[in-house]
Amino acid sequence: MQLTGCRYVRAIKQSLNKVFQNKSSLNNILAEIIAQYSHKSLVRPGSYLLGNHFNFFIVKTMISPHWCEGFFCPPRIEYRSLGVGHFYTPNISNRSRIKRKRIFEPFAEPQVRIRDRKFLLESKLVNESLSYLPILFG
């Protein structure tokens, strides 16, 4: 027997089959809906994770909710003349090679670790403008 689909959907479907004591096709549809909302990683291609000293990890592709490919970038300071101040943005010209990294806690507080450093997903407010173009990074 070959297993297909997401492992979270299969686990939820098995639980629904056990609770309702039937193997209805409705359980599969419900399992897909539940997994879509509860087991979806907050990290997307083009999002960046911020480390100490404003170092960045840019996500290029998502392999699974727990694994991604991306690259590390040093910070670059951009000054804005409108009185806003300065921003730390990724310096793409000095980026590292693409690396495959594990995402720890992908559904709560996603982070990528490299030795003793942690790169956390930078939380943005809903109406806050982004200081980069995600299409450019992803």
N, C-alpha and C. Protein backbone atom coordinates (compact mmCIF):
# COMPACT_ATOMS: atom_id res chain seq x y z
N MET A 1 0.85 -1.18 0.00
CA MET A 1 0.00 0.00 0.00
C MET A 1 0.89 1.24 0.00
N GLN A 2 0.65 2.13 -0.94
CA GLN A 2 1.43 3.35 -1.04
C GLN A 2 0.62 4.50 -0.42
N LEU A 3 1.28 5.24 0.46
CA LEU A 3 0.63 6.37 1.11
C LEU A 3 0.80 7.62 0.28
N THR A 4 -0.27 8.37 0.13
CA THR A 4 -0.20 9.63 -0.61
C THR A 4 -0.79 10.73 0.24
N GLY A 5 -0.45 11.96 -0.10
CA GLY A 5 -1.01 13.09 0.61
C GLY A 5 -0.19 13.50 1.82
N CYS A 6 -0.70 14.45 2.51
CA CYS A 6 -0.03 15.01 3.67
C CYS A 6 -0.21 14.09 4.88
N ARG A 7 0.84 13.94 5.65
CA ARG A 7 0.75 13.04 6.81
C ARG A 7 -0.19 13.58 7.86
N TYR A 8 -0.34 14.91 7.94
CA TYR A 8 -1.26 15.50 8.90
C TYR A 8 -2.70 15.19 8.53
N VAL A 9 -3.00 15.24 7.23
CA VAL A 9 -4.36 14.90 6.77
C VAL A 9 -4.66 13.45 7.07
N ARG A 10 -3.70 12.56 6.83
CA ARG A 10 -3.91 11.14 7.12
C ARG A 10 -4.16 10.90 8.60
N ALA A 11 -3.39 11.56 9.46
CA ALA A 11 -3.55 11.37 10.91
C ALA A 11 -4.90 11.89 11.39
N ILE A 12 -5.31 13.05 10.89
CA ILE A 12 -6.61 13.61 11.28
C ILE A 12 -7.73 12.73 10.76
N LYS A 13 -7.60 12.22 9.53
CA LYS A 13 -8.63 11.34 8.96
C LYS A 13 -8.76 10.05 9.77
N GLN A 14 -7.63 9.49 10.19
CA GLN A 14 -7.68 8.27 11.01
C GLN A 14 -8.36 8.54 12.35
N SER A 15 -8.09 9.70 12.92
CA SER A 15 -8.75 10.05 14.19
C SER A 15 -10.24 10.22 14.02
N LEU A 16 -10.65 10.88 12.92
CA LEU A 16 -12.08 11.05 12.66
C LEU A 16 -12.75 9.71 12.42
N ASN A 17 -12.09 8.81 11.68
CA ASN A 17 -12.65 7.47 11.45
C ASN A 17 -12.84 6.73 12.77
N LYS A 18 -11.90 6.88 13.67
CA LYS A 18 -11.97 6.18 14.96
C LYS A 18 -13.07 6.77 15.84
N VAL A 19 -13.17 8.11 15.86
CA VAL A 19 -14.17 8.76 16.72
C VAL A 19 -15.58 8.47 16.21
N PHE A 20 -15.81 8.61 14.90
CA PHE A 20 -17.15 8.41 14.35
C PHE A 20 -17.44 6.95 13.99
N GLN A 21 -16.46 6.08 14.10
CA GLN A 21 -16.57 4.65 13.86
C GLN A 21 -17.14 4.33 12.47
N ASN A 22 -16.74 5.14 11.50
CA ASN A 22 -17.07 4.84 10.10
C ASN A 22 -15.99 5.43 9.20
N LYS A 23 -15.93 4.93 7.99
CA LYS A 23 -14.93 5.41 7.04
C LYS A 23 -15.65 6.14 5.91
N SER A 24 -16.15 7.30 6.24
CA SER A 24 -16.88 8.10 5.27
C SER A 24 -15.92 8.98 4.48
N SER A 25 -16.28 9.30 3.24
CA SER A 25 -15.46 10.22 2.44
C SER A 25 -15.54 11.64 3.00
N LEU A 26 -16.56 11.91 3.77
CA LEU A 26 -16.69 13.22 4.42
C LEU A 26 -15.55 13.44 5.42
N ASN A 27 -15.08 12.36 6.07
CA ASN A 27 -13.97 12.48 7.01
C ASN A 27 -12.70 12.95 6.31
N ASN A 28 -12.48 12.52 5.08
CA ASN A 28 -11.31 12.96 4.32
C ASN A 28 -11.41 14.45 4.01
N ILE A 29 -12.57 14.92 3.62
CA ILE A 29 -12.77 16.34 3.32
C ILE A 29 -12.58 17.18 4.57
N LEU A 30 -13.16 16.72 5.68
CA LEU A 30 -12.99 17.44 6.95
C LEU A 30 -11.52 17.47 7.39
N ALA A 31 -10.83 16.37 7.19
CA ALA A 31 -9.42 16.30 7.56
C ALA A 31 -8.59 17.28 6.75
N GLU A 32 -8.87 17.42 5.46
CA GLU A 32 -8.16 18.38 4.63
C GLU A 32 -8.41 19.81 5.07
N ILE A 33 -9.64 20.13 5.44
CA ILE A 33 -9.97 21.48 5.91
C ILE A 33 -9.29 21.77 7.24
N ILE A 34 -9.31 20.82 8.15
CA ILE A 34 -8.67 21.02 9.46
C ILE A 34 -7.16 21.19 9.31
N ALA A 35 -6.54 20.36 8.48
CA ALA A 35 -5.08 20.45 8.29
C ALA A 35 -4.68 21.73 7.59
N GLN A 36 -5.54 22.23 6.73
CA GLN A 36 -5.23 23.48 6.02
C GLN A 36 -5.12 24.65 6.99
N TYR A 37 -5.90 24.65 8.05
CA TYR A 37 -5.87 25.77 9.00
C TYR A 37 -4.95 25.52 10.19
N SER A 38 -4.84 24.29 10.65
CA SER A 38 -4.08 24.06 11.88
C SER A 38 -2.64 23.63 11.63
N HIS A 39 -2.32 23.11 10.46
CA HIS A 39 -0.99 22.58 10.20
C HIS A 39 -0.35 23.25 8.99
N LYS A 40 -0.48 24.55 8.92
CA LYS A 40 0.13 25.31 7.85
C LYS A 40 1.21 26.20 8.45
N SER A 41 2.41 26.10 7.94
CA SER A 41 3.53 26.85 8.49
C SER A 41 3.35 28.34 8.23
N LEU A 42 3.87 29.16 9.14
CA LEU A 42 3.81 30.61 8.99
C LEU A 42 4.88 31.11 8.03
N VAL A 43 5.86 30.27 7.73
CA VAL A 43 6.96 30.65 6.84
C VAL A 43 6.54 30.40 5.40
N ARG A 44 6.80 31.37 4.54
CA ARG A 44 6.47 31.27 3.12
C ARG A 44 7.71 31.58 2.29
N PRO A 45 7.75 31.19 1.03
CA PRO A 45 8.87 31.61 0.18
C PRO A 45 8.91 33.14 0.08
N GLY A 46 10.08 33.71 0.30
CA GLY A 46 10.24 35.16 0.26
C GLY A 46 10.23 35.79 1.64
N SER A 47 9.80 35.07 2.66
CA SER A 47 9.83 35.64 4.00
C SER A 47 11.24 35.55 4.56
N TYR A 48 11.54 36.43 5.50
CA TYR A 48 12.88 36.40 6.08
C TYR A 48 12.82 36.22 7.57
N LEU A 49 13.84 35.56 8.09
CA LEU A 49 13.99 35.32 9.51
C LEU A 49 15.16 36.17 9.99
N LEU A 50 14.95 36.83 11.09
CA LEU A 50 15.92 37.80 11.59
C LEU A 50 16.73 37.21 12.73
N GLY A 51 18.04 37.33 12.64
CA GLY A 51 18.93 36.84 13.68
C GLY A 51 19.51 37.98 14.49
N ASN A 52 20.45 37.65 15.36
CA ASN A 52 21.08 38.69 16.15
C ASN A 52 21.97 39.56 15.26
N HIS A 53 22.17 40.78 15.64
CA HIS A 53 22.93 41.77 14.87
C HIS A 53 22.32 41.98 13.49
N PHE A 54 21.00 41.80 13.39
CA PHE A 54 20.22 42.05 12.19
C PHE A 54 20.68 41.23 10.99
N ASN A 55 21.21 40.03 11.21
CA ASN A 55 21.50 39.12 10.11
C ASN A 55 20.21 38.48 9.66
N PHE A 56 20.13 38.10 8.40
CA PHE A 56 18.90 37.59 7.81
C PHE A 56 19.08 36.19 7.27
N PHE A 57 17.99 35.42 7.31
CA PHE A 57 17.88 34.17 6.57
C PHE A 57 16.67 34.31 5.68
N ILE A 58 16.86 34.29 4.36
CA ILE A 58 15.79 34.47 3.39
C ILE A 58 15.35 33.09 2.90
N VAL A 59 14.06 32.81 2.97
CA VAL A 59 13.51 31.52 2.53
C VAL A 59 13.26 31.58 1.03
N LYS A 60 13.87 30.65 0.32
CA LYS A 60 13.69 30.58 -1.14
C LYS A 60 12.57 29.63 -1.52
N THR A 61 12.59 28.40 -1.01
CA THR A 61 11.54 27.43 -1.29
C THR A 61 11.19 26.68 -0.02
N MET A 62 9.95 26.26 0.07
CA MET A 62 9.49 25.44 1.18
C MET A 62 9.44 23.99 0.69
N ILE A 63 10.17 23.12 1.36
CA ILE A 63 10.17 21.70 1.02
C ILE A 63 9.00 21.01 1.71
N SER A 64 8.81 21.34 2.98
CA SER A 64 7.69 20.84 3.79
C SER A 64 7.49 21.86 4.90
N PRO A 65 6.48 21.69 5.76
CA PRO A 65 6.34 22.64 6.86
C PRO A 65 7.54 22.67 7.81
N HIS A 66 8.36 21.63 7.80
CA HIS A 66 9.49 21.56 8.71
C HIS A 66 10.85 21.80 8.03
N TRP A 67 10.90 21.89 6.72
CA TRP A 67 12.15 22.07 6.00
C TRP A 67 12.01 23.13 4.93
N CYS A 68 13.09 23.91 4.74
CA CYS A 68 13.09 24.94 3.70
C CYS A 68 14.49 25.07 3.12
N GLU A 69 14.57 25.75 1.99
CA GLU A 69 15.85 26.11 1.39
C GLU A 69 15.93 27.63 1.36
N GLY A 70 17.09 28.14 1.70
CA GLY A 70 17.26 29.58 1.72
C GLY A 70 18.72 29.95 1.83
N PHE A 71 18.96 31.23 2.06
CA PHE A 71 20.33 31.72 2.16
C PHE A 71 20.43 32.77 3.25
N PHE A 72 21.65 32.93 3.76
CA PHE A 72 21.93 33.91 4.80
C PHE A 72 22.44 35.19 4.16
N CYS A 73 22.08 36.33 4.76
CA CYS A 73 22.52 37.63 4.26
C CYS A 73 22.96 38.50 5.43
N PRO A 74 24.02 39.30 5.23
CA PRO A 74 24.36 40.30 6.24
C PRO A 74 23.42 41.50 6.10
N PRO A 75 23.37 42.37 7.12
CA PRO A 75 22.49 43.53 7.03
C PRO A 75 23.10 44.67 6.21
N ARG A 76 22.24 45.53 5.73
CA ARG A 76 22.62 46.76 5.05
C ARG A 76 21.73 47.86 5.60
N ILE A 77 22.28 49.01 5.87
CA ILE A 77 21.50 50.12 6.41
C ILE A 77 21.00 50.99 5.27
N GLU A 78 19.69 51.24 5.26
CA GLU A 78 19.09 52.16 4.30
C GLU A 78 18.56 53.36 5.05
N TYR A 79 18.89 54.53 4.58
CA TYR A 79 18.40 55.77 5.20
C TYR A 79 17.24 56.31 4.39
N ARG A 80 16.21 56.73 5.09
CA ARG A 80 15.04 57.32 4.44
C ARG A 80 15.03 58.82 4.73
N SER A 81 14.78 59.61 3.73
CA SER A 81 14.83 61.07 3.89
C SER A 81 13.54 61.67 4.41
N LEU A 82 12.51 60.88 4.58
CA LEU A 82 11.22 61.42 5.01
C LEU A 82 11.12 61.51 6.53
N GLY A 83 12.21 61.45 7.23
CA GLY A 83 12.19 61.55 8.68
C GLY A 83 11.85 60.24 9.38
N VAL A 84 11.74 59.18 8.63
CA VAL A 84 11.40 57.89 9.21
C VAL A 84 12.60 57.28 9.91
N GLY A 85 13.80 57.58 9.43
CA GLY A 85 15.00 57.04 10.05
C GLY A 85 15.69 56.07 9.12
N HIS A 86 16.20 55.01 9.70
CA HIS A 86 16.92 54.02 8.90
C HIS A 86 16.33 52.64 9.11
N PHE A 87 16.55 51.78 8.11
CA PHE A 87 16.08 50.41 8.13
C PHE A 87 17.26 49.48 7.91
N TYR A 88 17.18 48.30 8.51
CA TYR A 88 18.13 47.25 8.22
C TYR A 88 17.48 46.33 7.19
N THR A 89 18.11 46.20 6.06
CA THR A 89 17.60 45.35 4.99
C THR A 89 18.66 44.32 4.61
N PRO A 90 18.27 43.21 4.03
CA PRO A 90 19.25 42.19 3.62
C PRO A 90 20.14 42.70 2.49
N ASN A 91 21.42 42.42 2.58
CA ASN A 91 22.36 42.76 1.53
C ASN A 91 22.49 41.54 0.61
N ILE A 92 21.70 41.52 -0.45
CA ILE A 92 21.62 40.37 -1.34
C ILE A 92 22.93 40.13 -2.08
N SER A 93 23.71 41.18 -2.30
CA SER A 93 24.96 41.01 -3.05
C SER A 93 25.99 40.18 -2.28
N ASN A 94 25.86 40.08 -0.95
CA ASN A 94 26.79 39.29 -0.14
C ASN A 94 26.13 38.05 0.46
N ARG A 95 25.19 37.47 -0.23
CA ARG A 95 24.47 36.33 0.32
C ARG A 95 25.30 35.05 0.25
N SER A 96 24.91 34.09 1.06
CA SER A 96 25.59 32.79 1.08
C SER A 96 24.99 31.87 0.02
N ARG A 97 25.55 30.67 -0.07
CA ARG A 97 24.97 29.67 -0.97
C ARG A 97 23.63 29.22 -0.41
N ILE A 98 22.81 28.64 -1.24
CA ILE A 98 21.50 28.14 -0.80
C ILE A 98 21.72 26.91 0.07
N LYS A 99 21.09 26.92 1.25
CA LYS A 99 21.24 25.83 2.21
C LYS A 99 19.88 25.29 2.59
N ARG A 100 19.85 24.03 2.89
CA ARG A 100 18.63 23.37 3.36
C ARG A 100 18.64 23.40 4.88
N LYS A 101 17.61 23.99 5.48
CA LYS A 101 17.57 24.15 6.93
C LYS A 101 16.25 23.62 7.48
N ARG A 102 16.32 23.15 8.72
CA ARG A 102 15.13 22.68 9.41
C ARG A 102 14.47 23.86 10.10
N ILE A 103 13.15 23.90 10.05
CA ILE A 103 12.37 24.94 10.73
C ILE A 103 11.87 24.35 12.03
N PHE A 104 12.27 24.93 13.14
CA PHE A 104 11.81 24.50 14.45
C PHE A 104 10.55 25.27 14.80
N GLU A 105 9.57 24.59 15.39
CA GLU A 105 8.27 25.16 15.77
C GLU A 105 7.62 25.91 14.61
N PRO A 106 7.34 25.24 13.49
CA PRO A 106 6.83 25.94 12.31
C PRO A 106 5.42 26.49 12.46
N PHE A 107 4.65 25.98 13.41
CA PHE A 107 3.26 26.42 13.54
C PHE A 107 3.08 27.47 14.63
N ALA A 108 4.06 27.71 15.47
CA ALA A 108 3.93 28.67 16.57
C ALA A 108 4.90 29.83 16.38
N GLU A 109 6.19 29.60 16.69
CA GLU A 109 7.22 30.62 16.54
C GLU A 109 8.34 30.04 15.67
N PRO A 110 8.21 30.14 14.35
CA PRO A 110 9.19 29.51 13.46
C PRO A 110 10.59 30.09 13.67
N GLN A 111 11.58 29.20 13.68
CA GLN A 111 12.97 29.63 13.80
C GLN A 111 13.88 28.65 13.09
N VAL A 112 14.99 29.18 12.61
CA VAL A 112 16.04 28.39 11.98
C VAL A 112 17.26 28.56 12.86
N ARG A 113 17.96 27.48 13.12
CA ARG A 113 19.13 27.53 13.98
C ARG A 113 20.38 27.18 13.19
N ILE A 114 21.46 27.87 13.52
CA ILE A 114 22.77 27.51 12.99
C ILE A 114 23.74 27.68 14.14
N ARG A 115 24.24 26.56 14.60
CA ARG A 115 25.09 26.48 15.79
C ARG A 115 24.39 27.13 16.97
N ASP A 116 24.94 28.19 17.54
CA ASP A 116 24.32 28.80 18.72
C ASP A 116 23.45 30.00 18.37
N ARG A 117 23.27 30.28 17.08
CA ARG A 117 22.44 31.43 16.69
C ARG A 117 21.05 30.98 16.28
N LYS A 118 20.07 31.82 16.59
CA LYS A 118 18.68 31.55 16.20
C LYS A 118 18.21 32.67 15.29
N PHE A 119 17.51 32.29 14.24
CA PHE A 119 16.89 33.24 13.32
C PHE A 119 15.39 33.08 13.47
N LEU A 120 14.72 34.13 13.96
CA LEU A 120 13.29 34.09 14.23
C LEU A 120 12.53 34.81 13.13
N LEU A 121 11.31 34.33 12.87
CA LEU A 121 10.46 34.96 11.88
C LEU A 121 10.09 36.34 12.38
N GLU A 122 10.39 37.36 11.58
CA GLU A 122 10.08 38.72 11.99
C GLU A 122 8.58 38.94 11.90
N SER A 123 7.98 39.33 13.01
CA SER A 123 6.54 39.53 13.02
C SER A 123 6.22 40.92 12.49
N LYS A 124 5.33 40.97 11.55
CA LYS A 124 4.88 42.22 10.96
C LYS A 124 3.44 42.47 11.38
N LEU A 125 3.11 43.73 11.61
CA LEU A 125 1.73 44.07 11.87
C LEU A 125 0.93 43.93 10.58
N VAL A 126 -0.38 43.86 10.69
CA VAL A 126 -1.21 43.61 9.51
C VAL A 126 -1.07 44.74 8.49
N ASN A 127 -1.07 45.99 8.95
CA ASN A 127 -1.03 47.13 8.04
C ASN A 127 0.37 47.70 7.85
N GLU A 128 1.39 47.07 8.42
CA GLU A 128 2.75 47.58 8.31
C GLU A 128 3.32 47.24 6.94
N SER A 129 3.94 48.24 6.32
CA SER A 129 4.51 48.00 5.00
C SER A 129 5.82 47.24 5.14
N LEU A 130 6.10 46.40 4.17
CA LEU A 130 7.31 45.61 4.18
C LEU A 130 8.46 46.44 3.62
N SER A 131 9.65 46.21 4.13
CA SER A 131 10.82 46.95 3.66
C SER A 131 11.53 46.24 2.53
N TYR A 132 10.90 45.25 1.92
CA TYR A 132 11.51 44.51 0.82
C TYR A 132 10.42 44.01 -0.10
N LEU A 133 10.82 43.54 -1.24
CA LEU A 133 9.88 42.92 -2.17
C LEU A 133 10.03 41.42 -2.08
N PRO A 134 9.01 40.70 -1.56
CA PRO A 134 9.13 39.24 -1.43
C PRO A 134 9.39 38.53 -2.75
N ILE A 135 8.91 39.09 -3.86
CA ILE A 135 9.12 38.46 -5.15
C ILE A 135 10.60 38.46 -5.50
N LEU A 136 11.31 39.51 -5.10
CA LEU A 136 12.73 39.63 -5.38
C LEU A 136 13.52 38.56 -4.64
N PHE A 137 13.15 38.26 -3.39
CA PHE A 137 13.89 37.30 -2.59
C PHE A 137 13.52 35.88 -2.90
N GLY A 138 12.25 35.62 -3.19
CA GLY A 138 11.78 34.25 -3.39
C GLY A 138 11.98 33.87 -4.79
